[in-house]
Amino acid sequence: MSRTHWRRSLTVSNPPLSKRLWDDNRDLAEACLEHPFIVGLADGTLSESRYGLFAQQDHFYLDAYARSYAWGAVRAQDFATRRQFGSLLAGIMTEGTLHEKTAPELGVSLEDVQPLPAAREYTDFLLATASLGTIGEHIAAMAPCAKLYGWLGTRLADQPYEERYAFWINMYAGAGYLEKVDIIMGMLDEHGEDSATEAIRFRTAMELEYHFFDSAWVNGESG
């Protein structure tokens, strides 16, 4: 073996930033997968009161998530990045119709939703990062939501599940949604600086995702 080949064989390229951040937070992804709210989505035992509360809170959250994407488009320094933020914003508009379609069936209103602390904390975090953080920090705060939901949808779709909440699983396991996940994770690789602050933003968002599911589970119990 030549010396050059030997040296190349020892060279191990670093995984992309998006993969490293996701791998570093797989513990929280697994915790979400094992949370009774997600388990109940899969086996159909999740009560309508809990899902209805989740739908209301998620409707409130998605409004802020969309505004965060819009803010990213405003702050973008080039047209390509602005177009990517626009594509992601369009995806959120489609995602939002999920609750608009199911809310009447659940007997819940999406008007004048009062956010629970978990939803308020998450949306405040997103909007503050979007307005004050670097573009890398902004994307690091937003990517976990997209990635986690795609991962959860795919994991649930890969196993037997009840039809009751199949609409949720099918949306987040669908090719159209997963394409948006690839876009934002790619943006994280492109714009991220691999900073400690970006890692903290990513971790914080993952923690807030878990608290969001838990809040719907706990507070929807007597709904």
C-alpha atoms as a PDB file:
ATOM      1  CA  MET A   1       0.000   0.000   0.000  1.00  0.00           C
ATOM      2  CA  SER A   2       1.387   3.386  -0.945  1.00  0.00           C
ATOM      3  CA  ARG A   3       1.996   5.983   1.744  1.00  0.00           C
ATOM      4  CA  THR A   4      -0.542   8.297   0.103  1.00  0.00           C
ATOM      5  CA  HIS A   5      -3.209   5.601   0.065  1.00  0.00           C
ATOM      6  CA  TRP A   6      -2.395   4.713   3.672  1.00  0.00           C
ATOM      7  CA  ARG A   7      -2.883   8.306   4.736  1.00  0.00           C
ATOM      8  CA  ARG A   8      -6.170   8.546   2.863  1.00  0.00           C
ATOM      9  CA  SER A   9      -7.411   5.379   4.498  1.00  0.00           C
ATOM     10  CA  LEU A  10      -6.920   7.012   7.895  1.00  0.00           C
ATOM     11  CA  THR A  11      -8.845  10.109   6.902  1.00  0.00           C
ATOM     12  CA  VAL A  12     -12.399  10.025   8.196  1.00  0.00           C
ATOM     13  CA  SER A  13     -14.604  12.844   7.009  1.00  0.00           C
ATOM     14  CA  ASN A  14     -16.796  14.476   9.614  1.00  0.00           C
ATOM     15  CA  PRO A  15     -20.524  13.840   9.245  1.00  0.00           C
ATOM     16  CA  PRO A  16     -22.566  16.899   8.262  1.00  0.00           C
ATOM     17  CA  LEU A  17     -23.460  19.291  11.062  1.00  0.00           C
ATOM     18  CA  SER A  18     -27.150  18.441  10.797  1.00  0.00           C
ATOM     19  CA  LYS A  19     -26.446  14.734  11.336  1.00  0.00           C
ATOM     20  CA  ARG A  20     -24.137  15.366  14.260  1.00  0.00           C
ATOM     21  CA  LEU A  21     -26.658  17.603  16.001  1.00  0.00           C
ATOM     22  CA  TRP A  22     -29.432  15.094  15.395  1.00  0.00           C
ATOM     23  CA  ASP A  23     -27.316  12.193  16.641  1.00  0.00           C
ATOM     24  CA  ASP A  24     -26.350  14.186  19.734  1.00  0.00           C
ATOM     25  CA  ASN A  25     -30.040  14.601  20.542  1.00  0.00           C
ATOM     26  CA  ARG A  26     -31.360  11.160  19.703  1.00  0.00           C
ATOM     27  CA  ASP A  27     -32.061  10.629  23.397  1.00  0.00           C
ATOM     28  CA  LEU A  28     -34.770  13.270  23.239  1.00  0.00           C
ATOM     29  CA  ALA A  29     -36.122  11.917  19.955  1.00  0.00           C
ATOM     30  CA  GLU A  30     -36.430   8.461  21.521  1.00  0.00           C
ATOM     31  CA  ALA A  31     -38.075   9.995  24.597  1.00  0.00           C
ATOM     32  CA  CYS A  32     -40.686  11.606  22.337  1.00  0.00           C
ATOM     33  CA  LEU A  33     -41.258   8.330  20.497  1.00  0.00           C
ATOM     34  CA  GLU A  34     -41.841   6.556  23.809  1.00  0.00           C
ATOM     35  CA  HIS A  35     -44.031   9.313  25.273  1.00  0.00           C
ATOM     36  CA  PRO A  36     -47.607   8.112  25.907  1.00  0.00           C
ATOM     37  CA  PHE A  37     -48.930  10.848  23.621  1.00  0.00           C
ATOM     38  CA  ILE A  38     -47.055   9.445  20.613  1.00  0.00           C
ATOM     39  CA  VAL A  39     -47.704   5.861  21.676  1.00  0.00           C
ATOM     40  CA  GLY A  40     -51.399   6.738  21.825  1.00  0.00           C
ATOM     41  CA  LEU A  41     -51.283   8.201  18.326  1.00  0.00           C
ATOM     42  CA  ALA A  42     -49.942   4.902  17.029  1.00  0.00           C
ATOM     43  CA  ASP A  43     -52.228   2.502  18.878  1.00  0.00           C
ATOM     44  CA  GLY A  44     -55.315   4.706  18.660  1.00  0.00           C
ATOM     45  CA  THR A  45     -55.797   5.046  22.421  1.00  0.00           C
ATOM     46  CA  LEU A  46     -55.031   8.773  22.583  1.00  0.00           C
ATOM     47  CA  SER A  47     -58.172  10.539  23.774  1.00  0.00           C
ATOM     48  CA  GLU A  48     -59.847  13.157  21.618  1.00  0.00           C
ATOM     49  CA  SER A  49     -59.523  15.663  24.455  1.00  0.00           C
ATOM     50  CA  ARG A  50     -55.757  15.271  24.458  1.00  0.00           C
ATOM     51  CA  TYR A  51     -55.414  15.369  20.700  1.00  0.00           C
ATOM     52  CA  GLY A  52     -57.844  18.276  20.495  1.00  0.00           C
ATOM     53  CA  LEU A  53     -55.779  20.289  22.958  1.00  0.00           C
ATOM     54  CA  PHE A  54     -52.650  19.394  21.021  1.00  0.00           C
ATOM     55  CA  ALA A  55     -54.299  20.574  17.789  1.00  0.00           C
ATOM     56  CA  GLN A  56     -55.164  23.931  19.343  1.00  0.00           C
ATOM     57  CA  GLN A  57     -51.681  24.424  20.765  1.00  0.00           C
ATOM     58  CA  ASP A  58     -50.028  23.305  17.545  1.00  0.00           C
ATOM     59  CA  HIS A  59     -52.172  25.727  15.569  1.00  0.00           C
ATOM     60  CA  PHE A  60     -50.848  28.532  17.768  1.00  0.00           C
ATOM     61  CA  TYR A  61     -47.307  27.200  17.423  1.00  0.00           C
ATOM     62  CA  LEU A  62     -47.424  26.862  13.631  1.00  0.00           C
ATOM     63  CA  ASP A  63     -48.395  30.507  13.290  1.00  0.00           C
ATOM     64  CA  ALA A  64     -45.179  31.498  15.064  1.00  0.00           C
ATOM     65  CA  TYR A  65     -43.210  28.871  13.154  1.00  0.00           C
ATOM     66  CA  ALA A  66     -44.453  30.349   9.884  1.00  0.00           C
ATOM     67  CA  ARG A  67     -43.534  33.855  11.021  1.00  0.00           C
ATOM     68  CA  SER A  68     -40.080  32.600  11.903  1.00  0.00           C
ATOM     69  CA  TYR A  69     -39.639  31.255   8.368  1.00  0.00           C
ATOM     70  CA  ALA A  70     -40.887  34.559   6.973  1.00  0.00           C
ATOM     71  CA  TRP A  71     -38.401  36.424   9.141  1.00  0.00           C
ATOM     72  CA  GLY A  72     -35.669  34.181   7.783  1.00  0.00           C
ATOM     73  CA  ALA A  73     -36.624  35.128   4.241  1.00  0.00           C
ATOM     74  CA  VAL A  74     -36.457  38.808   5.147  1.00  0.00           C
ATOM     75  CA  ARG A  75     -33.021  38.479   6.728  1.00  0.00           C
ATOM     76  CA  ALA A  76     -31.544  36.206   4.045  1.00  0.00           C
ATOM     77  CA  GLN A  77     -28.603  37.716   2.195  1.00  0.00           C
ATOM     78  CA  ASP A  78     -29.141  35.906  -1.104  1.00  0.00           C
ATOM     79  CA  PHE A  79     -32.064  34.924  -3.292  1.00  0.00           C
ATOM     80  CA  ALA A  80     -31.404  31.174  -3.091  1.00  0.00           C
ATOM     81  CA  THR A  81     -31.702  31.183   0.694  1.00  0.00           C
ATOM     82  CA  ARG A  82     -34.749  33.429   0.530  1.00  0.00           C
ATOM     83  CA  ARG A  83     -36.378  30.977  -1.889  1.00  0.00           C
ATOM     84  CA  GLN A  84     -35.648  28.069   0.458  1.00  0.00           C
ATOM     85  CA  PHE A  85     -37.277  29.865   3.374  1.00  0.00           C
ATOM     86  CA  GLY A  86     -40.234  30.610   1.108  1.00  0.00           C
ATOM     87  CA  SER A  87     -40.575  26.950   0.184  1.00  0.00           C
ATOM     88  CA  LEU A  88     -40.539  25.953   3.840  1.00  0.00           C
ATOM     89  CA  LEU A  89     -43.126  28.615   4.648  1.00  0.00           C
ATOM     90  CA  ALA A  90     -45.410  27.217   1.943  1.00  0.00           C
ATOM     91  CA  GLY A  91     -45.047  23.794   3.531  1.00  0.00           C
ATOM     92  CA  ILE A  92     -46.206  25.150   6.877  1.00  0.00           C
ATOM     93  CA  MET A  93     -49.309  26.570   5.218  1.00  0.00           C
ATOM     94  CA  THR A  94     -50.127  23.062   3.997  1.00  0.00           C
ATOM     95  CA  GLU A  95     -49.356  21.519   7.373  1.00  0.00           C
ATOM     96  CA  GLY A  96     -51.694  23.964   9.063  1.00  0.00           C
ATOM     97  CA  THR A  97     -54.660  22.670   7.079  1.00  0.00           C
ATOM     98  CA  LEU A  98     -54.375  19.371   8.972  1.00  0.00           C
ATOM     99  CA  HIS A  99     -55.803  20.957  12.118  1.00  0.00           C
ATOM    100  CA  GLU A 100     -58.314  23.034  10.189  1.00  0.00           C
ATOM    101  CA  LYS A 101     -59.759  19.836   8.719  1.00  0.00           C
ATOM    102  CA  THR A 102     -59.795  17.765  11.908  1.00  0.00           C
ATOM    103  CA  ALA A 103     -60.746  20.396  14.507  1.00  0.00           C
ATOM    104  CA  PRO A 104     -64.486  20.414  13.655  1.00  0.00           C
ATOM    105  CA  GLU A 105     -64.600  16.634  13.965  1.00  0.00           C
ATOM    106  CA  LEU A 106     -63.037  16.908  17.419  1.00  0.00           C
ATOM    107  CA  GLY A 107     -65.335  19.717  18.469  1.00  0.00           C
ATOM    108  CA  VAL A 108     -62.481  22.130  19.155  1.00  0.00           C
ATOM    109  CA  SER A 109     -62.077  25.706  18.017  1.00  0.00           C
ATOM    110  CA  LEU A 110     -58.891  27.119  16.565  1.00  0.00           C
ATOM    111  CA  GLU A 111     -60.034  30.683  17.185  1.00  0.00           C
ATOM    112  CA  ASP A 112     -58.506  32.704  20.013  1.00  0.00           C
ATOM    113  CA  VAL A 113     -56.381  29.812  21.261  1.00  0.00           C
ATOM    114  CA  GLN A 114     -54.867  30.469  24.675  1.00  0.00           C
ATOM    115  CA  PRO A 115     -51.350  29.063  24.642  1.00  0.00           C
ATOM    116  CA  LEU A 116     -50.200  26.850  27.464  1.00  0.00           C
ATOM    117  CA  PRO A 117     -46.791  27.671  28.969  1.00  0.00           C
ATOM    118  CA  ALA A 118     -45.073  25.008  26.850  1.00  0.00           C
ATOM    119  CA  ALA A 119     -46.364  26.508  23.606  1.00  0.00           C
ATOM    120  CA  ARG A 120     -45.645  30.068  24.689  1.00  0.00           C
ATOM    121  CA  GLU A 121     -42.095  29.227  25.746  1.00  0.00           C
ATOM    122  CA  TYR A 122     -41.401  27.461  22.457  1.00  0.00           C
ATOM    123  CA  THR A 123     -42.787  30.207  20.233  1.00  0.00           C
ATOM    124  CA  ASP A 124     -41.010  32.934  22.194  1.00  0.00           C
ATOM    125  CA  PHE A 125     -37.770  30.994  21.783  1.00  0.00           C
ATOM    126  CA  LEU A 126     -38.241  30.626  18.027  1.00  0.00           C
ATOM    127  CA  LEU A 127     -39.143  34.231  17.360  1.00  0.00           C
ATOM    128  CA  ALA A 128     -36.367  35.602  19.557  1.00  0.00           C
ATOM    129  CA  THR A 129     -33.792  33.438  17.806  1.00  0.00           C
ATOM    130  CA  ALA A 130     -35.170  34.378  14.384  1.00  0.00           C
ATOM    131  CA  SER A 131     -34.865  38.085  15.119  1.00  0.00           C
ATOM    132  CA  LEU A 132     -31.646  38.184  17.141  1.00  0.00           C
ATOM    133  CA  GLY A 133     -29.601  35.111  16.268  1.00  0.00           C
ATOM    134  CA  THR A 134     -27.341  34.384  13.333  1.00  0.00           C
ATOM    135  CA  ILE A 135     -28.847  32.540  10.397  1.00  0.00           C
ATOM    136  CA  GLY A 136     -27.141  29.374  11.626  1.00  0.00           C
ATOM    137  CA  GLU A 137     -28.639  29.774  15.088  1.00  0.00           C
ATOM    138  CA  HIS A 138     -32.033  30.545  13.562  1.00  0.00           C
ATOM    139  CA  ILE A 139     -32.032  27.370  11.481  1.00  0.00           C
ATOM    140  CA  ALA A 140     -30.648  25.314  14.376  1.00  0.00           C
ATOM    141  CA  ALA A 141     -33.664  26.402  16.433  1.00  0.00           C
ATOM    142  CA  MET A 142     -36.168  25.540  13.689  1.00  0.00           C
ATOM    143  CA  ALA A 143     -34.751  22.328  12.247  1.00  0.00           C
ATOM    144  CA  PRO A 144     -35.549  20.052  15.222  1.00  0.00           C
ATOM    145  CA  CYS A 145     -39.316  20.433  14.799  1.00  0.00           C
ATOM    146  CA  ALA A 146     -39.230  19.465  11.138  1.00  0.00           C
ATOM    147  CA  LYS A 147     -36.719  16.659  11.607  1.00  0.00           C
ATOM    148  CA  LEU A 148     -38.402  15.200  14.686  1.00  0.00           C
ATOM    149  CA  TYR A 149     -41.875  15.082  13.143  1.00  0.00           C
ATOM    150  CA  GLY A 150     -40.552  13.451   9.996  1.00  0.00           C
ATOM    151  CA  TRP A 151     -38.639  10.929  12.074  1.00  0.00           C
ATOM    152  CA  LEU A 152     -41.639  10.174  14.294  1.00  0.00           C
ATOM    153  CA  GLY A 153     -43.967   9.838  11.322  1.00  0.00           C
ATOM    154  CA  THR A 154     -41.573   7.485   9.563  1.00  0.00           C
ATOM    155  CA  ARG A 155     -41.003   5.371  12.662  1.00  0.00           C
ATOM    156  CA  LEU A 156     -44.725   5.032  13.317  1.00  0.00           C
ATOM    157  CA  ALA A 157     -45.469   4.279   9.664  1.00  0.00           C
ATOM    158  CA  ASP A 158     -42.915   1.467   9.699  1.00  0.00           C
ATOM    159  CA  GLN A 159     -44.895  -0.468  12.292  1.00  0.00           C
ATOM    160  CA  PRO A 160     -48.535  -1.514  12.569  1.00  0.00           C
ATOM    161  CA  TYR A 161     -50.735   1.397  13.627  1.00  0.00           C
ATOM    162  CA  GLU A 162     -54.422   2.066  14.122  1.00  0.00           C
ATOM    163  CA  GLU A 163     -56.403   4.112  11.602  1.00  0.00           C
ATOM    164  CA  ARG A 164     -57.758   6.583  14.148  1.00  0.00           C
ATOM    165  CA  TYR A 165     -54.811   8.975  13.838  1.00  0.00           C
ATOM    166  CA  ALA A 166     -53.464   7.669  10.555  1.00  0.00           C
ATOM    167  CA  PHE A 167     -53.922  11.132   9.026  1.00  0.00           C
ATOM    168  CA  TRP A 168     -51.205  12.468  11.366  1.00  0.00           C
ATOM    169  CA  ILE A 169     -48.806   9.616  10.691  1.00  0.00           C
ATOM    170  CA  ASN A 170     -49.359   9.734   6.934  1.00  0.00           C
ATOM    171  CA  MET A 171     -48.704  13.470   6.756  1.00  0.00           C
ATOM    172  CA  TYR A 172     -45.379  13.368   8.559  1.00  0.00           C
ATOM    173  CA  ALA A 173     -44.219  10.168   6.895  1.00  0.00           C
ATOM    174  CA  GLY A 174     -45.161  11.496   3.458  1.00  0.00           C
ATOM    175  CA  ALA A 175     -42.658  12.269   0.735  1.00  0.00           C
ATOM    176  CA  GLY A 176     -43.766  15.894   0.484  1.00  0.00           C
ATOM    177  CA  TYR A 177     -43.105  16.549   4.147  1.00  0.00           C
ATOM    178  CA  LEU A 178     -39.796  14.674   4.194  1.00  0.00           C
ATOM    179  CA  GLU A 179     -38.637  16.773   1.257  1.00  0.00           C
ATOM    180  CA  LYS A 180     -39.055  19.875   3.443  1.00  0.00           C
ATOM    181  CA  VAL A 181     -37.058  18.165   6.185  1.00  0.00           C
ATOM    182  CA  ASP A 182     -34.208  17.617   3.747  1.00  0.00           C
ATOM    183  CA  ILE A 183     -34.313  21.293   2.771  1.00  0.00           C
ATOM    184  CA  ILE A 184     -33.986  22.680   6.280  1.00  0.00           C
ATOM    185  CA  MET A 185     -31.369  20.136   7.331  1.00  0.00           C
ATOM    186  CA  GLY A 186     -29.409  21.024   4.205  1.00  0.00           C
ATOM    187  CA  MET A 187     -29.717  24.698   5.092  1.00  0.00           C
ATOM    188  CA  LEU A 188     -28.287  23.928   8.516  1.00  0.00           C
ATOM    189  CA  ASP A 189     -25.276  22.308   6.865  1.00  0.00           C
ATOM    190  CA  GLU A 190     -24.863  25.260   4.527  1.00  0.00           C
ATOM    191  CA  HIS A 191     -25.271  28.113   6.972  1.00  0.00           C
ATOM    192  CA  GLY A 192     -24.328  26.588  10.314  1.00  0.00           C
ATOM    193  CA  GLU A 193     -20.957  27.469  11.799  1.00  0.00           C
ATOM    194  CA  ASP A 194     -20.787  24.447  14.119  1.00  0.00           C
ATOM    195  CA  SER A 195     -20.855  26.771  17.106  1.00  0.00           C
ATOM    196  CA  ALA A 196     -21.688  25.969  20.700  1.00  0.00           C
ATOM    197  CA  THR A 197     -24.635  28.350  20.488  1.00  0.00           C
ATOM    198  CA  GLU A 198     -26.098  26.466  17.525  1.00  0.00           C
ATOM    199  CA  ALA A 199     -25.797  23.218  19.461  1.00  0.00           C
ATOM    200  CA  ILE A 200     -27.573  24.806  22.422  1.00  0.00           C
ATOM    201  CA  ARG A 201     -30.359  26.132  20.184  1.00  0.00           C
ATOM    202  CA  PHE A 202     -30.861  22.685  18.649  1.00  0.00           C
ATOM    203  CA  ARG A 203     -30.914  20.986  22.051  1.00  0.00           C
ATOM    204  CA  THR A 204     -33.280  23.557  23.507  1.00  0.00           C
ATOM    205  CA  ALA A 205     -35.729  23.077  20.634  1.00  0.00           C
ATOM    206  CA  MET A 206     -35.660  19.313  21.130  1.00  0.00           C
ATOM    207  CA  GLU A 207     -36.385  19.747  24.835  1.00  0.00           C
ATOM    208  CA  LEU A 208     -39.251  22.090  24.017  1.00  0.00           C
ATOM    209  CA  GLU A 209     -40.659  19.525  21.578  1.00  0.00           C
ATOM    210  CA  TYR A 210     -40.825  16.953  24.356  1.00  0.00           C
ATOM    211  CA  HIS A 211     -42.459  19.433  26.732  1.00  0.00           C
ATOM    212  CA  PHE A 212     -45.007  20.302  24.032  1.00  0.00           C
ATOM    213  CA  PHE A 213     -46.178  16.679  23.730  1.00  0.00           C
ATOM    214  CA  ASP A 214     -46.134  16.283  27.498  1.00  0.00           C
ATOM    215  CA  SER A 215     -48.174  19.441  28.003  1.00  0.00           C
ATOM    216  CA  ALA A 216     -50.930  18.184  25.707  1.00  0.00           C
ATOM    217  CA  TRP A 217     -50.900  14.844  27.493  1.00  0.00           C
ATOM    218  CA  VAL A 218     -51.074  16.258  31.019  1.00  0.00           C
ATOM    219  CA  ASN A 219     -53.415  19.184  30.420  1.00  0.00           C
ATOM    220  CA  GLY A 220     -55.748  17.341  28.074  1.00  0.00           C
ATOM    221  CA  GLU A 221     -56.429  14.589  30.574  1.00  0.00           C
ATOM    222  CA  SER A 222     -59.597  16.127  31.935  1.00  0.00           C
ATOM    223  CA  GLY A 223     -60.595  17.899  28.722  1.00  0.00           C
END
